[in-house]
Amino acid sequence: MIAKDTWVLIHRIILPAAERAAVMPDDTKQKPFEMWVKGRLCTDTEAGAELGAEVEVITRTGRRERGTLLEANPAFTHGFGEYIPELLRISEQVRDMVFPERAAE
């Protein structure tokens, strides 16, 4: 069980693929329009809710949203990719062009 007021991630299909506009590109209109939202879990009981349950959350901006409970305390999983040595050299070259007085440092 995930306790009330826990920071959670929910998911909801806003528009099924069959209801997407016909003018959309083919690869887009074949997929549903989906929403993922993070917020504090609102439940009727102090016991909370289980993963997969239909729940309501309150977002940081105060919106109330409903969806399927996916995760408690979701972490950021994005990154900026692998280290690219060329970007360091380019950064140094740009710095030297923009601030020539620092080039000697």
Protein backbone atom coordinates (compact mmCIF):
# COMPACT_ATOMS: atom_id res chain seq x y z
CA MET A 1 0.00 0.00 0.00
CA ILE A 2 1.09 3.51 -0.80
CA ALA A 3 0.17 5.94 1.94
CA LYS A 4 -1.95 9.04 1.52
CA ASP A 5 0.09 12.20 0.73
CA THR A 6 2.95 10.19 -0.81
CA TRP A 7 4.51 11.76 -3.91
CA VAL A 8 3.42 9.51 -6.80
CA LEU A 9 3.31 9.16 -10.57
CA ILE A 10 0.01 8.50 -12.36
CA HIS A 11 -0.86 7.78 -15.99
CA ARG A 12 -4.02 8.41 -18.01
CA ILE A 13 -5.00 8.07 -21.65
CA ILE A 14 -6.54 11.39 -22.61
CA LEU A 15 -7.55 10.38 -26.12
CA PRO A 16 -7.51 6.83 -27.55
CA ALA A 17 -5.78 6.36 -30.92
CA ALA A 18 -9.14 5.80 -32.65
CA GLU A 19 -10.28 9.28 -31.60
CA ARG A 20 -7.19 11.20 -32.74
CA ALA A 21 -7.63 13.79 -35.49
CA ALA A 22 -7.36 12.48 -39.05
CA VAL A 23 -4.98 15.29 -40.03
CA MET A 24 -2.29 14.00 -37.67
CA PRO A 25 0.81 12.32 -39.12
CA ASP A 26 0.27 8.54 -39.42
CA ASP A 27 2.83 7.61 -36.73
CA THR A 28 1.16 10.05 -34.31
CA LYS A 29 -2.49 9.20 -34.91
CA GLN A 30 -1.79 5.48 -34.38
CA LYS A 31 -0.92 6.12 -30.75
CA PRO A 32 -3.10 7.35 -27.89
CA PHE A 33 -2.62 10.81 -26.41
CA GLU A 34 -1.28 10.05 -22.92
CA MET A 35 -0.52 11.96 -19.74
CA TRP A 36 1.88 11.23 -16.90
CA VAL A 37 1.56 13.44 -13.82
CA LYS A 38 3.29 13.59 -10.45
CA GLY A 39 1.51 14.73 -7.33
CA ARG A 40 0.51 13.96 -3.76
CA LEU A 41 -1.77 10.95 -3.44
CA CYS A 42 -5.33 11.69 -2.35
CA THR A 43 -7.25 8.73 -0.97
CA ASP A 44 -10.41 8.26 1.04
CA THR A 45 -8.56 6.20 3.63
CA GLU A 46 -5.36 6.68 5.58
CA ALA A 47 -4.31 3.20 4.40
CA GLY A 48 -3.60 4.59 0.93
CA ALA A 49 -3.83 2.83 -2.41
CA GLU A 50 -2.20 -0.01 -4.33
CA LEU A 51 -0.24 0.19 -7.58
CA GLY A 52 -2.57 -0.06 -10.56
CA ALA A 53 -5.48 1.55 -8.73
CA GLU A 54 -7.41 4.51 -10.14
CA VAL A 55 -6.44 7.43 -7.88
CA GLU A 56 -6.50 11.20 -7.61
CA VAL A 57 -3.47 13.38 -6.99
CA ILE A 58 -2.89 17.04 -6.24
CA THR A 59 -0.04 18.46 -8.31
CA ARG A 60 2.48 21.08 -7.18
CA THR A 61 0.34 23.71 -8.92
CA GLY A 62 -2.79 22.60 -7.06
CA ARG A 63 -4.49 20.81 -9.96
CA ARG A 64 -6.44 17.65 -9.23
CA GLU A 65 -5.82 14.85 -11.72
CA ARG A 66 -7.03 11.25 -11.91
CA GLY A 67 -5.16 8.29 -13.33
CA THR A 68 -3.66 4.86 -12.76
CA LEU A 69 -1.13 4.76 -9.93
CA LEU A 70 2.24 3.74 -11.38
CA GLU A 71 4.93 4.53 -8.86
CA ALA A 72 5.63 5.94 -5.40
CA ASN A 73 8.39 8.51 -4.92
CA PRO A 74 9.34 8.54 -8.64
CA ALA A 75 12.93 9.43 -9.41
CA PHE A 76 14.33 11.37 -12.33
CA THR A 77 15.82 8.84 -14.75
CA HIS A 78 16.91 11.09 -17.59
CA GLY A 79 20.50 11.92 -18.32
CA PHE A 80 22.57 13.95 -20.73
CA GLY A 81 24.21 11.02 -22.51
CA GLU A 82 27.79 9.80 -22.61
CA TYR A 83 30.80 12.06 -22.23
CA ILE A 84 31.92 13.47 -25.61
CA PRO A 85 35.56 14.65 -25.57
CA GLU A 86 35.06 16.85 -28.66
CA LEU A 87 32.51 18.98 -26.80
CA LEU A 88 35.08 19.90 -24.16
CA ARG A 89 37.52 21.06 -26.86
CA ILE A 90 34.75 23.01 -28.64
CA SER A 91 33.74 24.63 -25.36
CA GLU A 92 37.34 25.75 -24.77
CA GLN A 93 37.61 27.11 -28.33
CA VAL A 94 34.37 29.09 -27.98
CA ARG A 95 35.50 30.48 -24.61
CA ASP A 96 38.80 31.60 -26.18
CA MET A 97 36.94 33.33 -29.05
CA VAL A 98 34.42 35.06 -26.79
CA PHE A 99 36.91 35.98 -24.07
CA PRO A 100 40.28 36.39 -25.86
CA GLU A 101 41.82 37.99 -22.78
CA ARG A 102 41.42 34.61 -21.00
CA ALA A 103 43.03 32.60 -23.82
CA ALA A 104 46.46 32.91 -22.22
CA GLU A 105 45.24 31.51 -18.89
